[in-house]
């Protein structure tokens, strides 16, 4: 199951780092958020986004809300891509 990512336009890359080690080193609040995330986030990406949001807001709860907002933005981009491809398939066009 090397390519079990489904139909998505979001970037996909191979990683050389150990995601499990990175996950284990994360604060519990971020591990809990990542366990319930809708997207396959990399632990390093979550930690970076959280630190950025925390520095801006100064509040851990608001930083998690910001992570939710970022995830919703990514999901909406992917949904829009999938909808365009479905419409294109119906009309006989390929959307890139």
C-alpha atoms as a PDB file:
ATOM      1  CA  UNK A   1       0.000   0.000   0.000  1.00  0.00           C
ATOM      2  CA  UNK A   2       2.616   2.510  -1.017  1.00  0.00           C
ATOM      3  CA  UNK A   3       0.197   4.865  -2.763  1.00  0.00           C
ATOM      4  CA  UNK A   4      -2.798   4.855  -0.434  1.00  0.00           C
ATOM      5  CA  UNK A   5      -3.441   8.599  -0.674  1.00  0.00           C
ATOM      6  CA  UNK A   6      -6.568   8.625  -2.835  1.00  0.00           C
ATOM      7  CA  UNK A   7      -7.379  11.267  -5.456  1.00  0.00           C
ATOM      8  CA  UNK A   8      -5.921  14.552  -4.294  1.00  0.00           C
ATOM      9  CA  UNK A   9      -4.158  17.537  -5.792  1.00  0.00           C
ATOM     10  CA  UNK A  10      -2.322  18.229  -2.526  1.00  0.00           C
ATOM     11  CA  UNK A  11       1.444  17.824  -2.634  1.00  0.00           C
ATOM     12  CA  UNK A  12       2.858  14.401  -1.826  1.00  0.00           C
ATOM     13  CA  UNK A  13       6.501  13.759  -0.974  1.00  0.00           C
ATOM     14  CA  UNK A  14       8.643  10.981   0.383  1.00  0.00           C
ATOM     15  CA  UNK A  15      10.227  11.751   3.748  1.00  0.00           C
ATOM     16  CA  UNK A  16      13.571  10.564   5.074  1.00  0.00           C
ATOM     17  CA  UNK A  17      12.888  11.378   8.722  1.00  0.00           C
ATOM     18  CA  UNK A  18      11.174   9.097  11.212  1.00  0.00           C
ATOM     19  CA  UNK A  19       7.645  10.409  11.703  1.00  0.00           C
ATOM     20  CA  UNK A  20       7.056   8.136  14.701  1.00  0.00           C
ATOM     21  CA  UNK A  21      10.048   9.562  16.569  1.00  0.00           C
ATOM     22  CA  UNK A  22       8.915  13.093  15.714  1.00  0.00           C
ATOM     23  CA  UNK A  23       5.393  12.237  16.880  1.00  0.00           C
ATOM     24  CA  UNK A  24       6.642  10.825  20.197  1.00  0.00           C
ATOM     25  CA  UNK A  25       8.636  13.995  20.850  1.00  0.00           C
ATOM     26  CA  UNK A  26       5.640  16.313  20.339  1.00  0.00           C
ATOM     27  CA  UNK A  27       3.776  17.860  23.281  1.00  0.00           C
ATOM     28  CA  UNK A  28       0.691  15.872  24.313  1.00  0.00           C
ATOM     29  CA  UNK A  29      -1.691  18.637  23.171  1.00  0.00           C
ATOM     30  CA  UNK A  30      -0.330  18.383  19.616  1.00  0.00           C
ATOM     31  CA  UNK A  31      -0.292  14.584  19.613  1.00  0.00           C
ATOM     32  CA  UNK A  32      -3.963  14.614  20.599  1.00  0.00           C
ATOM     33  CA  UNK A  33      -4.781  17.112  17.841  1.00  0.00           C
ATOM     34  CA  UNK A  34      -2.854  15.097  15.271  1.00  0.00           C
ATOM     35  CA  UNK A  35      -4.647  11.882  16.265  1.00  0.00           C
ATOM     36  CA  UNK A  36      -7.967  13.503  15.327  1.00  0.00           C
ATOM     37  CA  UNK A  37      -6.766  15.416  12.260  1.00  0.00           C
ATOM     38  CA  UNK A  38      -8.608  14.834   8.988  1.00  0.00           C
ATOM     39  CA  UNK A  39      -5.449  15.137   6.874  1.00  0.00           C
ATOM     40  CA  UNK A  40      -2.247  13.056   7.036  1.00  0.00           C
ATOM     41  CA  UNK A  41      -0.129  15.789   8.641  1.00  0.00           C
ATOM     42  CA  UNK A  42       3.567  15.354   9.241  1.00  0.00           C
ATOM     43  CA  UNK A  43       4.413  15.883  12.937  1.00  0.00           C
ATOM     44  CA  UNK A  44       7.070  18.433  11.996  1.00  0.00           C
ATOM     45  CA  UNK A  45       4.524  20.441   9.961  1.00  0.00           C
ATOM     46  CA  UNK A  46       2.004  20.448  12.810  1.00  0.00           C
ATOM     47  CA  UNK A  47       4.640  21.569  15.294  1.00  0.00           C
ATOM     48  CA  UNK A  48       5.819  24.372  13.001  1.00  0.00           C
ATOM     49  CA  UNK A  49       2.264  25.614  12.334  1.00  0.00           C
ATOM     50  CA  UNK A  50       1.416  25.432  16.039  1.00  0.00           C
ATOM     51  CA  UNK A  51       4.519  27.390  17.079  1.00  0.00           C
ATOM     52  CA  UNK A  52       3.721  30.064  14.503  1.00  0.00           C
ATOM     53  CA  UNK A  53       0.106  30.320  15.687  1.00  0.00           C
ATOM     54  CA  UNK A  54       1.137  30.290  19.354  1.00  0.00           C
ATOM     55  CA  UNK A  55       3.641  33.108  18.833  1.00  0.00           C
ATOM     56  CA  UNK A  56       0.927  35.149  17.129  1.00  0.00           C
ATOM     57  CA  UNK A  57      -1.867  34.447  19.636  1.00  0.00           C
ATOM     58  CA  UNK A  58      -0.040  33.676  22.882  1.00  0.00           C
ATOM     59  CA  UNK A  59      -2.746  31.144  23.794  1.00  0.00           C
ATOM     60  CA  UNK A  60      -2.499  27.351  23.264  1.00  0.00           C
ATOM     61  CA  UNK A  61      -6.263  26.994  22.711  1.00  0.00           C
ATOM     62  CA  UNK A  62      -6.291  29.735  20.066  1.00  0.00           C
ATOM     63  CA  UNK A  63      -3.266  28.152  18.387  1.00  0.00           C
ATOM     64  CA  UNK A  64      -5.178  24.848  18.094  1.00  0.00           C
ATOM     65  CA  UNK A  65      -8.153  26.695  16.634  1.00  0.00           C
ATOM     66  CA  UNK A  66      -5.762  28.166  14.076  1.00  0.00           C
ATOM     67  CA  UNK A  67      -4.539  24.652  13.201  1.00  0.00           C
ATOM     68  CA  UNK A  68      -8.174  23.668  12.621  1.00  0.00           C
ATOM     69  CA  UNK A  69      -8.599  26.691  10.347  1.00  0.00           C
ATOM     70  CA  UNK A  70      -5.501  25.769   8.309  1.00  0.00           C
ATOM     71  CA  UNK A  71      -6.745  22.214   7.961  1.00  0.00           C
ATOM     72  CA  UNK A  72     -10.170  23.413   6.781  1.00  0.00           C
ATOM     73  CA  UNK A  73      -8.485  25.577   4.136  1.00  0.00           C
ATOM     74  CA  UNK A  74      -6.521  22.578   2.840  1.00  0.00           C
ATOM     75  CA  UNK A  75      -9.630  20.412   2.828  1.00  0.00           C
ATOM     76  CA  UNK A  76     -11.615  23.030   0.908  1.00  0.00           C
ATOM     77  CA  UNK A  77      -8.867  23.250  -1.747  1.00  0.00           C
ATOM     78  CA  UNK A  78      -8.918  19.480  -2.144  1.00  0.00           C
ATOM     79  CA  UNK A  79     -12.731  19.392  -2.274  1.00  0.00           C
ATOM     80  CA  UNK A  80     -12.759  22.089  -4.951  1.00  0.00           C
ATOM     81  CA  UNK A  81     -10.233  20.092  -7.023  1.00  0.00           C
ATOM     82  CA  UNK A  82     -12.299  16.898  -6.723  1.00  0.00           C
ATOM     83  CA  UNK A  83     -15.506  18.686  -7.673  1.00  0.00           C
ATOM     84  CA  UNK A  84     -13.860  20.238 -10.753  1.00  0.00           C
ATOM     85  CA  UNK A  85     -12.619  16.808 -11.847  1.00  0.00           C
ATOM     86  CA  UNK A  86     -16.075  15.267 -11.412  1.00  0.00           C
ATOM     87  CA  UNK A  87     -17.691  18.052 -13.440  1.00  0.00           C
ATOM     88  CA  UNK A  88     -14.951  17.723 -16.065  1.00  0.00           C
ATOM     89  CA  UNK A  89     -15.511  13.974 -16.276  1.00  0.00           C
ATOM     90  CA  UNK A  90     -19.237  14.517 -16.800  1.00  0.00           C
ATOM     91  CA  UNK A  91     -18.526  17.037 -19.571  1.00  0.00           C
ATOM     92  CA  UNK A  92     -15.762  14.874 -21.046  1.00  0.00           C
ATOM     93  CA  UNK A  93     -12.960  17.293 -20.109  1.00  0.00           C
ATOM     94  CA  UNK A  94      -9.821  16.694 -18.078  1.00  0.00           C
ATOM     95  CA  UNK A  95      -8.981  19.292 -15.428  1.00  0.00           C
ATOM     96  CA  UNK A  96      -5.330  19.636 -14.461  1.00  0.00           C
END
